[in-house]
Amino acid sequence: MKAIVQDRYGSVDVLELREIERPVPGDDEVLVRVRAASVNAYDWHFMRGDPYFARMIMGLGGPKARIRGRDCAGVVEAVGARVTGLVPGDEVYGEVDGTFAEYVCVPDNAVARKPANLTFEQAAALPLAANTALIGLRDVGAGQRVLINGASGGVGTMAVQLAKAQGAEVTGVCSTRNVDLVRSLGADHVVDYTQEDFARDARRYDLVFDLVGNRSLTDLRRVLTPDGTLALSGGGTSNGGSFFGPYGLFLKARVVASFIRHRVVFVAAHQSKQNLDALRELAEAGTLVPVIEATYPLSEAAKAIRHVEIEHARAKVVVTTRAASPT
């Protein structure tokens, strides 16, 4: 089978389309024939081994997970001996390393039936981004007034929709070109950061969901209500070269968390069939609609990652195993 493989850290030139052996599912795994997979910031962080601090987990000399891609949608090809509820031919989506490939083995607890009303491309856009947004809003608690910094990104576009579904008054922060997009997703207020500084605004929020990591803790806390919550997830600069990246902000937050009134939480997605089932219900109800900016064939996955890393793509970019040109 074909897959996008990397042996060392670096820019997109470390990614190679190779012919490798097709995986065989274990007893608790599902073999999925991938139809589409989406790109996340996660992919370029792993590609570059950035931040350096994270290489203790990613792999010191090179990535332990050598095939890029984290989410996918496709068709069940085979199931392990202990897998129940899925059979070959079922359309599924899920979250696991190694999805920029024609086939991938996914743990049974990380794959679920695909939303029936979504294409494979749309379904592939959901797992990591929507799961992060769901955990950040459902488990943290949205409150009445929510600010989402990075509202036009992969997680941000999901978070705007989920916060509105919870009945929150939503303010999204984005660049000029994405104002209309964020407003179309249901945001009550949109702050164009090239024209306004949300940290200097008079509005106060019950929850600030920061997905960018480009503002200080002081700025983020300044716009919270006295008993508000700051949720931190992701961020960091592109092109690599940072030691702590977004972890720097997380570490500072941990230090001050015990001395401030505000609640500070760190949001990270984890594989969850239950969350995938919840997202499927939201998608099938029309509450959650993935937004896709561009689609690339598997052979151009490096271009897709570059699109997300350098061009700051709006919403999601998808890689498909079917022959296609960027849209």
C-alpha atoms as a PDB file:
ATOM      1  CA  MET A   1       0.000   0.000   0.000  1.00  0.00           C
ATOM      2  CA  LYS A   2       1.030   3.640  -0.381  1.00  0.00           C
ATOM      3  CA  ALA A   3       1.690   5.853   2.652  1.00  0.00           C
ATOM      4  CA  ILE A   4       3.322   9.165   3.591  1.00  0.00           C
ATOM      5  CA  VAL A   5       6.393   8.259   5.645  1.00  0.00           C
ATOM      6  CA  GLN A   6       9.101  10.270   7.410  1.00  0.00           C
ATOM      7  CA  ASP A   7      12.347   9.005   8.966  1.00  0.00           C
ATOM      8  CA  ARG A   8      13.692  12.270  10.377  1.00  0.00           C
ATOM      9  CA  TYR A   9      12.432  15.652  11.539  1.00  0.00           C
ATOM     10  CA  GLY A  10      12.403  18.614   9.192  1.00  0.00           C
ATOM     11  CA  SER A  11      10.320  20.526   6.662  1.00  0.00           C
ATOM     12  CA  VAL A  12       7.954  18.963   4.126  1.00  0.00           C
ATOM     13  CA  ASP A  13      10.863  17.485   2.170  1.00  0.00           C
ATOM     14  CA  VAL A  14      11.233  14.772   4.837  1.00  0.00           C
ATOM     15  CA  LEU A  15       7.844  13.351   3.796  1.00  0.00           C
ATOM     16  CA  GLU A  16       7.935  10.587   1.184  1.00  0.00           C
ATOM     17  CA  LEU A  17       5.204   8.666  -0.602  1.00  0.00           C
ATOM     18  CA  ARG A  18       6.309   5.044  -0.269  1.00  0.00           C
ATOM     19  CA  GLU A  19       5.055   1.566  -0.947  1.00  0.00           C
ATOM     20  CA  ILE A  20       4.950  -0.284   2.377  1.00  0.00           C
ATOM     21  CA  GLU A  21       3.387  -3.434   3.770  1.00  0.00           C
ATOM     22  CA  ARG A  22      -0.310  -3.378   4.484  1.00  0.00           C
ATOM     23  CA  PRO A  23      -0.980  -3.622   8.244  1.00  0.00           C
ATOM     24  CA  VAL A  24      -2.759  -6.564   9.846  1.00  0.00           C
ATOM     25  CA  PRO A  25      -5.287  -5.780  12.585  1.00  0.00           C
ATOM     26  CA  GLY A  26      -4.758  -7.089  16.105  1.00  0.00           C
ATOM     27  CA  ASP A  27      -7.544  -8.695  18.117  1.00  0.00           C
ATOM     28  CA  ASP A  28      -8.839  -5.294  19.291  1.00  0.00           C
ATOM     29  CA  GLU A  29      -8.283  -3.410  16.048  1.00  0.00           C
ATOM     30  CA  VAL A  30     -10.183  -2.528  12.898  1.00  0.00           C
ATOM     31  CA  LEU A  31      -8.446  -2.399   9.510  1.00  0.00           C
ATOM     32  CA  VAL A  32      -9.810   0.598   7.610  1.00  0.00           C
ATOM     33  CA  ARG A  33      -9.397   1.277   3.927  1.00  0.00           C
ATOM     34  CA  VAL A  34      -8.848   5.021   4.115  1.00  0.00           C
ATOM     35  CA  ARG A  35     -10.935   7.186   1.830  1.00  0.00           C
ATOM     36  CA  ALA A  36      -9.966  10.535   3.366  1.00  0.00           C
ATOM     37  CA  ALA A  37      -7.844  11.943   6.183  1.00  0.00           C
ATOM     38  CA  SER A  38      -7.573  15.506   7.420  1.00  0.00           C
ATOM     39  CA  VAL A  39      -4.557  17.638   8.300  1.00  0.00           C
ATOM     40  CA  ASN A  40      -4.061  19.082  11.779  1.00  0.00           C
ATOM     41  CA  ALA A  41      -1.394  21.277  13.340  1.00  0.00           C
ATOM     42  CA  TYR A  42      -0.489  18.014  15.079  1.00  0.00           C
ATOM     43  CA  ASP A  43       0.949  16.805  11.751  1.00  0.00           C
ATOM     44  CA  TRP A  44       3.396  19.628  11.159  1.00  0.00           C
ATOM     45  CA  HIS A  45       4.444  19.588  14.825  1.00  0.00           C
ATOM     46  CA  PHE A  46       5.321  15.889  14.420  1.00  0.00           C
ATOM     47  CA  MET A  47       6.910  16.507  11.019  1.00  0.00           C
ATOM     48  CA  ARG A  48       9.265  19.099  12.484  1.00  0.00           C
ATOM     49  CA  GLY A  49       9.661  17.569  15.947  1.00  0.00           C
ATOM     50  CA  ASP A  50       8.492  20.890  17.320  1.00  0.00           C
ATOM     51  CA  PRO A  51       8.596  21.960  20.066  1.00  0.00           C
ATOM     52  CA  TYR A  52      11.896  20.281  20.981  1.00  0.00           C
ATOM     53  CA  PHE A  53      10.567  19.649  24.490  1.00  0.00           C
ATOM     54  CA  ALA A  54       7.938  17.292  23.024  1.00  0.00           C
ATOM     55  CA  ARG A  55      10.557  15.054  21.371  1.00  0.00           C
ATOM     56  CA  MET A  56      10.754  13.177  24.667  1.00  0.00           C
ATOM     57  CA  ILE A  57       7.322  11.830  23.642  1.00  0.00           C
ATOM     58  CA  MET A  58       7.548  12.039  19.823  1.00  0.00           C
ATOM     59  CA  GLY A  59      10.981  10.382  19.640  1.00  0.00           C
ATOM     60  CA  LEU A  60      14.406  11.902  20.285  1.00  0.00           C
ATOM     61  CA  GLY A  61      16.239  11.001  17.059  1.00  0.00           C
ATOM     62  CA  GLY A  62      13.186  10.855  14.822  1.00  0.00           C
ATOM     63  CA  PRO A  63       9.457  10.259  15.028  1.00  0.00           C
ATOM     64  CA  LYS A  64       8.315   7.010  16.617  1.00  0.00           C
ATOM     65  CA  ALA A  65       5.125   7.262  14.560  1.00  0.00           C
ATOM     66  CA  ARG A  66       6.641   7.344  11.058  1.00  0.00           C
ATOM     67  CA  ILE A  67       3.420   7.653   9.020  1.00  0.00           C
ATOM     68  CA  ARG A  68       1.764  11.064   9.262  1.00  0.00           C
ATOM     69  CA  GLY A  69      -1.936  11.774   9.653  1.00  0.00           C
ATOM     70  CA  ARG A  70      -4.150  11.527  12.717  1.00  0.00           C
ATOM     71  CA  ASP A  71      -7.784  11.290  11.571  1.00  0.00           C
ATOM     72  CA  CYS A  72      -9.526   9.356   8.863  1.00  0.00           C
ATOM     73  CA  ALA A  73     -12.763   8.136   7.346  1.00  0.00           C
ATOM     74  CA  GLY A  74     -13.138   5.025   5.265  1.00  0.00           C
ATOM     75  CA  VAL A  75     -14.519   1.517   4.949  1.00  0.00           C
ATOM     76  CA  VAL A  76     -13.903  -1.422   7.276  1.00  0.00           C
ATOM     77  CA  GLU A  77     -11.760  -4.013   5.506  1.00  0.00           C
ATOM     78  CA  ALA A  78     -11.331  -6.477   8.384  1.00  0.00           C
ATOM     79  CA  VAL A  79     -11.883  -6.680  12.142  1.00  0.00           C
ATOM     80  CA  GLY A  80      -9.957  -8.305  14.967  1.00  0.00           C
ATOM     81  CA  ALA A  81     -11.232 -11.315  16.892  1.00  0.00           C
ATOM     82  CA  ARG A  82     -12.490  -9.285  19.858  1.00  0.00           C
ATOM     83  CA  VAL A  83     -14.119  -6.461  17.880  1.00  0.00           C
ATOM     84  CA  THR A  84     -17.909  -6.319  18.030  1.00  0.00           C
ATOM     85  CA  GLY A  85     -20.379  -3.931  16.427  1.00  0.00           C
ATOM     86  CA  LEU A  86     -18.451  -3.411  13.192  1.00  0.00           C
ATOM     87  CA  VAL A  87     -18.135  -5.658  10.155  1.00  0.00           C
ATOM     88  CA  PRO A  88     -16.337  -5.394   6.802  1.00  0.00           C
ATOM     89  CA  GLY A  89     -18.096  -2.899   4.560  1.00  0.00           C
ATOM     90  CA  ASP A  90     -19.154  -0.526   7.344  1.00  0.00           C
ATOM     91  CA  GLU A  91     -18.369   3.156   6.781  1.00  0.00           C
ATOM     92  CA  VAL A  92     -16.417   4.509   9.751  1.00  0.00           C
ATOM     93  CA  TYR A  93     -14.299   7.380  10.992  1.00  0.00           C
ATOM     94  CA  GLY A  94     -11.727   7.577  13.744  1.00  0.00           C
ATOM     95  CA  GLU A  95      -8.539   8.916  15.252  1.00  0.00           C
ATOM     96  CA  VAL A  96      -5.144   7.195  15.242  1.00  0.00           C
ATOM     97  CA  ASP A  97      -1.597   7.900  14.040  1.00  0.00           C
ATOM     98  CA  GLY A  98      -0.739   6.854  10.493  1.00  0.00           C
ATOM     99  CA  THR A  99      -3.820   7.807   8.470  1.00  0.00           C
ATOM    100  CA  PHE A 100      -2.015   9.305   5.455  1.00  0.00           C
ATOM    101  CA  ALA A 101      -2.055   5.843   3.935  1.00  0.00           C
ATOM    102  CA  GLU A 102      -4.308   3.585   1.914  1.00  0.00           C
ATOM    103  CA  TYR A 103      -4.964   1.389   4.969  1.00  0.00           C
ATOM    104  CA  VAL A 104      -4.638   1.899   8.712  1.00  0.00           C
ATOM    105  CA  CYS A 105      -5.334  -0.203  11.800  1.00  0.00           C
ATOM    106  CA  VAL A 106      -7.434   1.656  14.370  1.00  0.00           C
ATOM    107  CA  PRO A 107      -8.073   0.507  17.959  1.00  0.00           C
ATOM    108  CA  ASP A 108     -11.702  -0.496  18.444  1.00  0.00           C
ATOM    109  CA  ASN A 109     -12.099   2.264  21.060  1.00  0.00           C
ATOM    110  CA  ALA A 110     -11.025   4.932  18.551  1.00  0.00           C
ATOM    111  CA  VAL A 111     -13.317   4.199  15.615  1.00  0.00           C
ATOM    112  CA  ALA A 112     -17.084   4.561  15.142  1.00  0.00           C
ATOM    113  CA  ARG A 113     -19.704   4.592  12.428  1.00  0.00           C
ATOM    114  CA  LYS A 114     -19.400   7.575  10.097  1.00  0.00           C
ATOM    115  CA  PRO A 115     -22.150  10.234  10.201  1.00  0.00           C
ATOM    116  CA  ALA A 116     -24.565   9.066   7.512  1.00  0.00           C
ATOM    117  CA  ASN A 117     -25.135  12.553   6.100  1.00  0.00           C
ATOM    118  CA  LEU A 118     -21.439  13.396   5.639  1.00  0.00           C
ATOM    119  CA  THR A 119     -19.057  12.545   2.824  1.00  0.00           C
ATOM    120  CA  PHE A 120     -15.833  10.720   3.681  1.00  0.00           C
ATOM    121  CA  GLU A 121     -13.990  14.033   3.321  1.00  0.00           C
ATOM    122  CA  GLN A 122     -16.331  15.806   5.734  1.00  0.00           C
ATOM    123  CA  ALA A 123     -16.232  12.959   8.242  1.00  0.00           C
ATOM    124  CA  ALA A 124     -12.421  12.880   8.150  1.00  0.00           C
ATOM    125  CA  ALA A 125     -12.399  16.540   9.170  1.00  0.00           C
ATOM    126  CA  LEU A 126     -14.065  15.781  12.496  1.00  0.00           C
ATOM    127  CA  PRO A 127     -12.157  13.439  14.827  1.00  0.00           C
ATOM    128  CA  LEU A 128      -9.221  15.340  16.355  1.00  0.00           C
ATOM    129  CA  ALA A 129     -10.532  18.894  15.887  1.00  0.00           C
ATOM    130  CA  ALA A 130     -14.145  18.279  16.869  1.00  0.00           C
ATOM    131  CA  ASN A 131     -13.132  15.979  19.722  1.00  0.00           C
ATOM    132  CA  THR A 132     -10.882  18.724  21.122  1.00  0.00           C
ATOM    133  CA  ALA A 133     -13.693  21.273  20.843  1.00  0.00           C
ATOM    134  CA  LEU A 134     -16.181  18.878  22.437  1.00  0.00           C
ATOM    135  CA  ILE A 135     -13.919  18.158  25.407  1.00  0.00           C
ATOM    136  CA  GLY A 136     -13.112  21.848  25.838  1.00  0.00           C
ATOM    137  CA  LEU A 137     -16.738  22.949  25.843  1.00  0.00           C
ATOM    138  CA  ARG A 138     -18.750  20.010  27.148  1.00  0.00           C
ATOM    139  CA  ASP A 139     -16.341  18.913  29.875  1.00  0.00           C
ATOM    140  CA  VAL A 140     -15.103  22.360  30.867  1.00  0.00           C
ATOM    141  CA  GLY A 141     -18.536  24.022  30.597  1.00  0.00           C
ATOM    142  CA  ALA A 142     -19.224  26.794  28.140  1.00  0.00           C
ATOM    143  CA  GLY A 143     -21.003  29.259  30.393  1.00  0.00           C
ATOM    144  CA  GLN A 144     -23.153  32.075  29.050  1.00  0.00           C
ATOM    145  CA  ARG A 145     -20.439  34.092  27.317  1.00  0.00           C
ATOM    146  CA  VAL A 146     -17.589  32.403  25.449  1.00  0.00           C
ATOM    147  CA  LEU A 147     -14.556  33.844  23.636  1.00  0.00           C
ATOM    148  CA  ILE A 148     -12.809  31.577  21.126  1.00  0.00           C
ATOM    149  CA  ASN A 149      -9.345  32.782  20.110  1.00  0.00           C
ATOM    150  CA  GLY A 150      -8.589  31.101  16.783  1.00  0.00           C
ATOM    151  CA  ALA A 151     -12.216  30.735  15.732  1.00  0.00           C
ATOM    152  CA  SER A 152     -11.489  30.130  12.032  1.00  0.00           C
ATOM    153  CA  GLY A 153      -9.141  27.179  12.501  1.00  0.00           C
ATOM    154  CA  GLY A 154      -9.923  23.490  12.538  1.00  0.00           C
ATOM    155  CA  VAL A 155     -10.816  23.323  16.230  1.00  0.00           C
ATOM    156  CA  GLY A 156     -12.180  26.872  16.266  1.00  0.00           C
ATOM    157  CA  THR A 157     -14.822  26.314  13.585  1.00  0.00           C
ATOM    158  CA  MET A 158     -16.050  23.279  15.520  1.00  0.00           C
ATOM    159  CA  ALA A 159     -15.941  25.129  18.843  1.00  0.00           C
ATOM    160  CA  VAL A 160     -18.060  28.042  17.568  1.00  0.00           C
ATOM    161  CA  GLN A 161     -20.799  25.644  16.479  1.00  0.00           C
ATOM    162  CA  LEU A 162     -20.688  23.539  19.651  1.00  0.00           C
ATOM    163  CA  ALA A 163     -20.738  26.586  21.944  1.00  0.00           C
ATOM    164  CA  LYS A 164     -23.775  27.949  20.099  1.00  0.00           C
ATOM    165  CA  ALA A 165     -25.480  24.556  20.411  1.00  0.00           C
ATOM    166  CA  GLN A 166     -25.005  24.853  24.180  1.00  0.00           C
ATOM    167  CA  GLY A 167     -26.786  28.200  24.124  1.00  0.00           C
ATOM    168  CA  ALA A 168     -23.739  30.398  24.717  1.00  0.00           C
ATOM    169  CA  GLU A 169     -23.191  33.919  23.437  1.00  0.00           C
ATOM    170  CA  VAL A 170     -20.101  33.390  21.300  1.00  0.00           C
ATOM    171  CA  THR A 171     -17.350  35.821  20.338  1.00  0.00           C
ATOM    172  CA  GLY A 172     -14.871  34.562  17.746  1.00  0.00           C
ATOM    173  CA  VAL A 173     -11.416  36.043  17.144  1.00  0.00           C
ATOM    174  CA  CYS A 174      -9.952  35.704  13.638  1.00  0.00           C
ATOM    175  CA  SER A 175      -8.321  37.624  10.783  1.00  0.00           C
ATOM    176  CA  THR A 176     -10.139  39.885   8.308  1.00  0.00           C
ATOM    177  CA  ARG A 177     -10.523  37.247   5.589  1.00  0.00           C
ATOM    178  CA  ASN A 178     -12.280  34.876   7.994  1.00  0.00           C
ATOM    179  CA  VAL A 179     -14.780  37.253   9.608  1.00  0.00           C
ATOM    180  CA  ASP A 180     -17.664  36.219   7.348  1.00  0.00           C
ATOM    181  CA  LEU A 181     -16.890  32.524   7.818  1.00  0.00           C
ATOM    182  CA  VAL A 182     -16.912  32.748  11.622  1.00  0.00           C
ATOM    183  CA  ARG A 183     -20.106  34.780  11.573  1.00  0.00           C
ATOM    184  CA  SER A 184     -21.746  32.221   9.257  1.00  0.00           C
ATOM    185  CA  LEU A 185     -20.997  29.486  11.799  1.00  0.00           C
ATOM    186  CA  GLY A 186     -23.161  31.274  14.345  1.00  0.00           C
ATOM    187  CA  ALA A 187     -20.795  33.564  16.254  1.00  0.00           C
ATOM    188  CA  ASP A 188     -22.718  36.466  17.832  1.00  0.00           C
ATOM    189  CA  HIS A 189     -19.676  38.741  17.733  1.00  0.00           C
ATOM    190  CA  VAL A 190     -16.511  38.549  15.625  1.00  0.00           C
ATOM    191  CA  VAL A 191     -13.274  40.339  16.535  1.00  0.00           C
ATOM    192  CA  ASP A 192     -10.890  40.989  13.639  1.00  0.00           C
ATOM    193  CA  TYR A 193      -7.547  40.877  15.432  1.00  0.00           C
ATOM    194  CA  THR A 194      -5.919  43.000  12.732  1.00  0.00           C
ATOM    195  CA  GLN A 195      -8.274  45.837  13.653  1.00  0.00           C
ATOM    196  CA  GLU A 196      -9.150  45.249  17.316  1.00  0.00           C
ATOM    197  CA  ASP A 197      -7.549  43.840  20.452  1.00  0.00           C
ATOM    198  CA  PHE A 198      -9.986  41.666  22.368  1.00  0.00           C
ATOM    199  CA  ALA A 199      -7.829  41.998  25.501  1.00  0.00           C
ATOM    200  CA  ARG A 200      -8.546  45.748  25.575  1.00  0.00           C
ATOM    201  CA  ASP A 201     -12.277  45.363  25.049  1.00  0.00           C
ATOM    202  CA  ALA A 202     -14.814  45.979  27.792  1.00  0.00           C
ATOM    203  CA  ARG A 203     -16.575  42.622  27.288  1.00  0.00           C
ATOM    204  CA  ARG A 204     -16.038  39.909  29.900  1.00  0.00           C
ATOM    205  CA  TYR A 205     -16.415  36.171  29.369  1.00  0.00           C
ATOM    206  CA  ASP A 206     -17.248  33.132  31.473  1.00  0.00           C
ATOM    207  CA  LEU A 207     -14.928  31.039  29.295  1.00  0.00           C
ATOM    208  CA  VAL A 208     -11.942  31.959  27.144  1.00  0.00           C
ATOM    209  CA  PHE A 209     -10.988  29.047  24.867  1.00  0.00           C
ATOM    210  CA  ASP A 210      -7.505  29.821  23.529  1.00  0.00           C
ATOM    211  CA  LEU A 211      -6.474  27.779  20.482  1.00  0.00           C
ATOM    212  CA  VAL A 212      -3.580  29.948  19.302  1.00  0.00           C
ATOM    213  CA  GLY A 213      -1.165  30.454  22.191  1.00  0.00           C
ATOM    214  CA  ASN A 214      -0.163  33.913  20.970  1.00  0.00           C
ATOM    215  CA  ARG A 215      -1.343  35.960  23.961  1.00  0.00           C
ATOM    216  CA  SER A 216      -0.022  36.256  27.510  1.00  0.00           C
ATOM    217  CA  LEU A 217      -1.835  34.816  30.496  1.00  0.00           C
ATOM    218  CA  THR A 218      -2.421  38.388  31.635  1.00  0.00           C
ATOM    219  CA  ASP A 219      -4.199  39.262  28.378  1.00  0.00           C
ATOM    220  CA  LEU A 220      -6.310  36.127  28.435  1.00  0.00           C
ATOM    221  CA  ARG A 221      -7.290  36.515  32.097  1.00  0.00           C
ATOM    222  CA  ARG A 222      -8.043  40.214  31.705  1.00  0.00           C
ATOM    223  CA  VAL A 223     -11.250  39.484  29.773  1.00  0.00           C
ATOM    224  CA  LEU A 224     -12.553  36.816  32.155  1.00  0.00           C
ATOM    225  CA  THR A 225     -15.297  37.345  34.692  1.00  0.00           C
ATOM    226  CA  PRO A 226     -14.027  37.074  38.300  1.00  0.00           C
ATOM    227  CA  ASP A 227     -14.911  33.370  38.453  1.00  0.00           C
ATOM    228  CA  GLY A 228     -14.317  32.632  34.771  1.00  0.00           C
ATOM    229  CA  THR A 229     -12.408  29.732  33.177  1.00  0.00           C
ATOM    230  CA  LEU A 230      -9.403  29.849  30.866  1.00  0.00           C
ATOM    231  CA  ALA A 231      -9.094  26.774  28.617  1.00  0.00           C
ATOM    232  CA  LEU A 232      -5.766  26.356  26.800  1.00  0.00           C
ATOM    233  CA  SER A 233      -5.284  24.055  23.827  1.00  0.00           C
ATOM    234  CA  GLY A 234      -2.589  23.925  21.162  1.00  0.00           C
ATOM    235  CA  GLY A 235      -0.985  26.819  19.395  1.00  0.00           C
ATOM    236  CA  GLY A 236       2.647  27.566  18.720  1.00  0.00           C
ATOM    237  CA  THR A 237       4.478  29.104  15.783  1.00  0.00           C
ATOM    238  CA  SER A 238       5.085  27.404  12.445  1.00  0.00           C
ATOM    239  CA  ASN A 239       8.494  26.642  10.867  1.00  0.00           C
ATOM    240  CA  GLY A 240       9.728  24.878  14.007  1.00  0.00           C
ATOM    241  CA  GLY A 241      12.646  25.956  16.130  1.00  0.00           C
ATOM    242  CA  SER A 242      10.903  26.491  19.468  1.00  0.00           C
ATOM    243  CA  PHE A 243      11.882  24.711  22.666  1.00  0.00           C
ATOM    244  CA  PHE A 244       8.634  24.777  24.651  1.00  0.00           C
ATOM    245  CA  GLY A 245       6.121  26.071  22.062  1.00  0.00           C
ATOM    246  CA  PRO A 246       2.600  26.160  23.547  1.00  0.00           C
ATOM    247  CA  TYR A 247       3.905  24.193  26.535  1.00  0.00           C
ATOM    248  CA  GLY A 248       5.579  27.411  27.708  1.00  0.00           C
ATOM    249  CA  LEU A 249       2.178  29.015  28.228  1.00  0.00           C
ATOM    250  CA  PHE A 250       0.869  25.822  29.825  1.00  0.00           C
ATOM    251  CA  LEU A 251       3.787  25.697  32.268  1.00  0.00           C
ATOM    252  CA  LYS A 252       3.321  29.338  33.259  1.00  0.00           C
ATOM    253  CA  ALA A 253      -0.376  28.691  33.772  1.00  0.00           C
ATOM    254  CA  ARG A 254       0.351  25.730  36.029  1.00  0.00           C
ATOM    255  CA  VAL A 255       2.646  27.868  38.153  1.00  0.00           C
ATOM    256  CA  VAL A 256       0.101  30.640  38.690  1.00  0.00           C
ATOM    257  CA  ALA A 257      -3.045  28.485  38.782  1.00  0.00           C
ATOM    258  CA  SER A 258      -2.869  27.949  42.550  1.00  0.00           C
ATOM    259  CA  PHE A 259      -2.565  31.670  43.233  1.00  0.00           C
ATOM    260  CA  ILE A 260      -5.396  33.067  41.138  1.00  0.00           C
ATOM    261  CA  ARG A 261      -9.160  32.963  41.370  1.00  0.00           C
ATOM    262  CA  HIS A 262      -9.661  32.014  37.744  1.00  0.00           C
ATOM    263  CA  ARG A 263      -9.899  28.352  36.829  1.00  0.00           C
ATOM    264  CA  VAL A 264      -7.250  27.274  34.307  1.00  0.00           C
ATOM    265  CA  VAL A 265      -7.638  24.005  32.382  1.00  0.00           C
ATOM    266  CA  PHE A 266      -5.605  22.301  29.675  1.00  0.00           C
ATOM    267  CA  VAL A 267      -7.600  20.715  26.881  1.00  0.00           C
ATOM    268  CA  ALA A 268      -6.194  17.758  24.964  1.00  0.00           C
ATOM    269  CA  ALA A 269      -8.163  15.301  22.878  1.00  0.00           C
ATOM    270  CA  HIS A 270      -8.017  11.604  23.689  1.00  0.00           C
ATOM    271  CA  GLN A 271      -9.233   8.679  21.606  1.00  0.00           C
ATOM    272  CA  SER A 272     -12.851   7.978  22.455  1.00  0.00           C
ATOM    273  CA  LYS A 273     -15.519   5.929  20.682  1.00  0.00           C
ATOM    274  CA  GLN A 274     -18.102   7.591  22.946  1.00  0.00           C
ATOM    275  CA  ASN A 275     -17.054  11.049  21.769  1.00  0.00           C
ATOM    276  CA  LEU A 276     -17.104   9.922  18.132  1.00  0.00           C
ATOM    277  CA  ASP A 277     -20.650   8.644  18.674  1.00  0.00           C
ATOM    278  CA  ALA A 278     -21.628  11.984  20.234  1.00  0.00           C
ATOM    279  CA  LEU A 279     -20.107  13.893  17.313  1.00  0.00           C
ATOM    280  CA  ARG A 280     -21.934  11.655  14.838  1.00  0.00           C
ATOM    281  CA  GLU A 281     -25.255  12.522  16.513  1.00  0.00           C
ATOM    282  CA  LEU A 282     -24.442  16.235  16.344  1.00  0.00           C
ATOM    283  CA  ALA A 283     -23.446  15.981  12.683  1.00  0.00           C
ATOM    284  CA  GLU A 284     -26.526  13.984  11.719  1.00  0.00           C
ATOM    285  CA  ALA A 285     -28.727  16.528  13.518  1.00  0.00           C
ATOM    286  CA  GLY A 286     -27.131  19.316  11.463  1.00  0.00           C
ATOM    287  CA  THR A 287     -25.682  20.944  14.590  1.00  0.00           C
ATOM    288  CA  LEU A 288     -22.068  20.371  13.527  1.00  0.00           C
ATOM    289  CA  VAL A 289     -21.062  20.964   9.906  1.00  0.00           C
ATOM    290  CA  PRO A 290     -17.384  20.527   8.929  1.00  0.00           C
ATOM    291  CA  VAL A 291     -15.887  23.325   6.827  1.00  0.00           C
ATOM    292  CA  ILE A 292     -13.233  22.261   4.300  1.00  0.00           C
ATOM    293  CA  GLU A 293     -11.006  24.787   2.563  1.00  0.00           C
ATOM    294  CA  ALA A 294      -9.031  22.454   0.288  1.00  0.00           C
ATOM    295  CA  THR A 295      -8.625  18.817  -0.700  1.00  0.00           C
ATOM    296  CA  TYR A 296      -5.377  17.183  -1.898  1.00  0.00           C
ATOM    297  CA  PRO A 297      -4.588  13.684  -3.191  1.00  0.00           C
ATOM    298  CA  LEU A 298      -2.439  11.430  -1.011  1.00  0.00           C
ATOM    299  CA  SER A 299       0.541  12.003  -3.311  1.00  0.00           C
ATOM    300  CA  GLU A 300       0.405  15.709  -2.393  1.00  0.00           C
ATOM    301  CA  ALA A 301       0.023  15.300   1.360  1.00  0.00           C
ATOM    302  CA  ALA A 302       3.196  17.352   1.879  1.00  0.00           C
ATOM    303  CA  LYS A 303       1.528  20.288   0.120  1.00  0.00           C
ATOM    304  CA  ALA A 304      -1.539  19.821   2.316  1.00  0.00           C
ATOM    305  CA  ILE A 305       0.563  19.992   5.488  1.00  0.00           C
ATOM    306  CA  ARG A 306       2.403  23.048   4.155  1.00  0.00           C
ATOM    307  CA  HIS A 307      -0.990  24.656   3.456  1.00  0.00           C
ATOM    308  CA  VAL A 308      -1.971  24.251   7.109  1.00  0.00           C
ATOM    309  CA  GLU A 309       1.414  25.206   8.559  1.00  0.00           C
ATOM    310  CA  ILE A 310       2.422  28.170   6.399  1.00  0.00           C
ATOM    311  CA  GLU A 311      -0.769  29.507   4.847  1.00  0.00           C
ATOM    312  CA  HIS A 312      -2.841  29.345   8.044  1.00  0.00           C
ATOM    313  CA  ALA A 313      -5.713  27.525   6.398  1.00  0.00           C
ATOM    314  CA  ARG A 314      -9.226  28.338   7.433  1.00  0.00           C
ATOM    315  CA  ALA A 315     -11.111  25.399   8.912  1.00  0.00           C
ATOM    316  CA  LYS A 316      -9.892  22.047   7.575  1.00  0.00           C
ATOM    317  CA  VAL A 317      -7.669  20.697   4.801  1.00  0.00           C
ATOM    318  CA  VAL A 318      -8.280  17.114   3.687  1.00  0.00           C
ATOM    319  CA  VAL A 319      -6.136  14.440   2.051  1.00  0.00           C
ATOM    320  CA  THR A 320      -7.961  11.860  -0.061  1.00  0.00           C
ATOM    321  CA  THR A 321      -6.793   8.528  -1.442  1.00  0.00           C
ATOM    322  CA  ARG A 322      -8.827   9.155  -4.580  1.00  0.00           C
ATOM    323  CA  ALA A 323      -7.087  10.982  -7.434  1.00  0.00           C
ATOM    324  CA  ALA A 324      -7.950  14.657  -7.127  1.00  0.00           C
ATOM    325  CA  SER A 325      -6.565  18.135  -7.551  1.00  0.00           C
ATOM    326  CA  PRO A 326      -6.568  20.846  -4.849  1.00  0.00           C
ATOM    327  CA  THR A 327      -9.931  22.625  -4.680  1.00  0.00           C
END
